[in-house]
């Protein structure tokens, strides 16, 4: 029962992160670009990202903790091995964590500094980089999901 609860928490954290990226990439950003001028849009995105990135940080902690437990439990139960898909998911997940670290600690910090100084071209450049890296994490997330489901 504990194993299933940990697996559920792992899934919930992944859904929060992946679902947030779906909303950001396919609903919020296109709507903001279509309806807001660059400066109000930048201010909106700062507020949205501040909240979303806090959720992602929590999701990463939960994913790492639950994933470590699930991986080691499966490794021990199988006598020293796990399915290939689990290893692929682990590598992709660690890459996603690192990319998010760059988004949050470099890109978002640069964006907020530029926004505070009304340096609109620098804010736009930082936002563009964040957008590209979110796309990269979105693709990696789906590859991780596919790997754990399809690779035995």
Protein backbone atom coordinates (compact mmCIF):
# COMPACT_ATOMS: atom_id res chain seq x y z
CA UNK A 1 0.00 0.00 0.00
CA UNK A 2 2.83 2.43 0.82
CA UNK A 3 4.46 1.68 -2.54
CA UNK A 4 1.21 2.53 -4.36
CA UNK A 5 0.82 5.77 -2.40
CA UNK A 6 4.38 6.81 -3.29
CA UNK A 7 3.71 5.95 -6.93
CA UNK A 8 0.55 8.08 -6.82
CA UNK A 9 2.47 11.04 -5.37
CA UNK A 10 5.07 10.64 -8.11
CA UNK A 11 2.34 10.70 -10.74
CA UNK A 12 0.63 13.74 -9.19
CA UNK A 13 3.91 15.70 -9.19
CA UNK A 14 4.51 14.78 -12.85
CA UNK A 15 0.97 15.82 -13.78
CA UNK A 16 1.39 19.19 -12.03
CA UNK A 17 4.59 19.89 -13.95
CA UNK A 18 3.50 18.53 -17.34
CA UNK A 19 0.01 20.00 -17.03
CA UNK A 20 1.44 23.38 -16.15
CA UNK A 21 3.64 23.28 -19.23
CA UNK A 22 0.64 22.33 -21.41
CA UNK A 23 -1.33 25.27 -20.04
CA UNK A 24 1.60 27.65 -20.43
CA UNK A 25 2.57 26.62 -23.96
CA UNK A 26 -0.84 26.08 -25.53
CA UNK A 27 -3.22 28.41 -23.66
CA UNK A 28 -1.70 31.19 -21.58
CA UNK A 29 1.19 32.37 -23.74
CA UNK A 30 -0.73 32.36 -27.05
CA UNK A 31 -3.63 34.23 -25.42
CA UNK A 32 -1.30 36.74 -23.79
CA UNK A 33 0.57 37.34 -27.06
CA UNK A 34 -2.73 37.80 -28.92
CA UNK A 35 -4.30 40.23 -26.46
CA UNK A 36 -1.62 42.11 -24.50
CA UNK A 37 1.03 44.61 -25.43
CA UNK A 38 4.61 43.51 -24.61
CA UNK A 39 5.01 45.39 -21.31
CA UNK A 40 1.75 44.26 -19.64
CA UNK A 41 2.36 40.77 -21.04
CA UNK A 42 5.82 40.70 -19.43
CA UNK A 43 4.37 41.77 -16.09
CA UNK A 44 1.69 39.08 -16.32
CA UNK A 45 4.23 36.40 -17.19
CA UNK A 46 6.42 37.39 -14.24
CA UNK A 47 3.50 36.84 -11.88
CA UNK A 48 2.46 33.58 -13.57
CA UNK A 49 6.01 32.22 -13.69
CA UNK A 50 6.67 33.14 -10.07
CA UNK A 51 3.71 31.02 -8.99
CA UNK A 52 4.23 28.20 -11.48
CA UNK A 53 7.96 27.88 -10.83
CA UNK A 54 7.27 27.54 -7.09
CA UNK A 55 4.93 24.65 -7.92
CA UNK A 56 7.56 23.09 -10.17
CA UNK A 57 10.20 23.33 -7.43
CA UNK A 58 7.83 21.44 -5.12
CA UNK A 59 7.07 18.93 -7.85
CA UNK A 60 10.79 18.34 -8.44
CA UNK A 61 11.39 17.66 -4.75
CA UNK A 62 8.47 15.23 -4.75
CA UNK A 63 9.53 13.60 -8.03
CA UNK A 64 13.09 13.14 -6.84
CA UNK A 65 12.07 11.75 -3.45
CA UNK A 66 9.37 9.42 -4.70
CA UNK A 67 11.32 8.44 -7.81
CA UNK A 68 14.37 7.52 -5.74
CA UNK A 69 12.23 5.37 -3.47
CA UNK A 70 10.41 3.65 -6.34
CA UNK A 71 13.63 3.05 -8.26
CA UNK A 72 15.54 1.55 -5.31
CA UNK A 73 12.55 -0.56 -4.26
CA UNK A 74 12.19 -1.95 -7.77
CA UNK A 75 15.96 -2.46 -8.05
CA UNK A 76 16.05 -4.47 -4.82
CA UNK A 77 12.91 -6.45 -5.68
CA UNK A 78 14.29 -7.42 -9.09
CA UNK A 79 17.64 -8.49 -7.70
CA UNK A 80 19.70 -5.63 -9.08
CA UNK A 81 17.97 -4.41 -12.20
CA UNK A 82 15.12 -2.23 -13.37
CA UNK A 83 13.43 -2.00 -16.77
CA UNK A 84 15.24 0.01 -19.44
CA UNK A 85 12.39 2.52 -19.52
CA UNK A 86 13.00 3.34 -15.86
CA UNK A 87 16.64 4.12 -16.58
CA UNK A 88 15.69 6.30 -19.56
CA UNK A 89 13.09 8.08 -17.41
CA UNK A 90 15.72 8.67 -14.71
CA UNK A 91 18.21 10.21 -17.15
CA UNK A 92 15.55 12.37 -18.81
CA UNK A 93 14.16 13.42 -15.43
CA UNK A 94 17.59 14.51 -14.23
CA UNK A 95 18.07 16.45 -17.46
CA UNK A 96 14.69 18.12 -16.91
CA UNK A 97 15.67 19.06 -13.35
CA UNK A 98 18.89 20.64 -14.64
CA UNK A 99 17.07 22.52 -17.41
CA UNK A 100 14.52 23.81 -14.93
CA UNK A 101 17.37 24.90 -12.66
CA UNK A 102 18.72 26.98 -15.53
CA UNK A 103 15.27 28.38 -16.30
CA UNK A 104 14.69 29.38 -12.69
CA UNK A 105 18.10 30.41 -11.40
CA UNK A 106 19.42 32.05 -14.58
CA UNK A 107 16.66 32.85 -17.08
CA UNK A 108 13.92 33.88 -14.66
CA UNK A 109 16.36 35.87 -12.53
CA UNK A 110 17.58 37.71 -15.65
CA UNK A 111 13.97 38.31 -16.74
CA UNK A 112 12.99 39.76 -13.35
CA UNK A 113 16.04 42.04 -13.24
CA UNK A 114 15.30 43.33 -16.73
CA UNK A 115 11.65 43.83 -15.87
CA UNK A 116 12.53 45.73 -12.67
CA UNK A 117 14.83 48.00 -14.67
CA UNK A 118 12.32 48.48 -17.50
CA UNK A 119 14.89 46.96 -19.88
CA UNK A 120 12.28 45.61 -22.27
CA UNK A 121 14.57 44.10 -24.95
CA UNK A 122 16.52 42.15 -22.31
CA UNK A 123 13.28 41.02 -20.67
CA UNK A 124 11.98 39.84 -24.04
CA UNK A 125 15.20 37.96 -24.74
CA UNK A 126 15.09 36.25 -21.33
CA UNK A 127 11.41 35.38 -21.83
CA UNK A 128 12.21 33.91 -25.23
CA UNK A 129 14.90 31.69 -23.71
CA UNK A 130 12.53 30.57 -20.94
CA UNK A 131 9.92 29.72 -23.56
CA UNK A 132 12.40 27.60 -25.57
CA UNK A 133 13.61 25.77 -22.48
CA UNK A 134 10.06 25.07 -21.34
CA UNK A 135 9.44 23.54 -24.78
CA UNK A 136 12.55 21.40 -24.36
CA UNK A 137 11.40 20.19 -20.96
CA UNK A 138 7.93 19.52 -22.34
CA UNK A 139 9.37 17.26 -25.06
CA UNK A 140 11.71 15.53 -22.61
CA UNK A 141 8.80 14.95 -20.23
CA UNK A 142 6.79 13.19 -22.92
CA UNK A 143 9.82 11.14 -23.91
CA UNK A 144 10.23 10.08 -20.26
CA UNK A 145 6.57 9.10 -20.07
CA UNK A 146 6.83 7.14 -23.31
CA UNK A 147 10.02 5.42 -22.16
CA UNK A 148 8.59 4.22 -18.87
CA UNK A 149 5.45 2.93 -20.59
CA UNK A 150 6.97 1.46 -23.77
CA UNK A 151 10.46 0.22 -22.94
CA UNK A 152 10.59 -3.01 -21.00
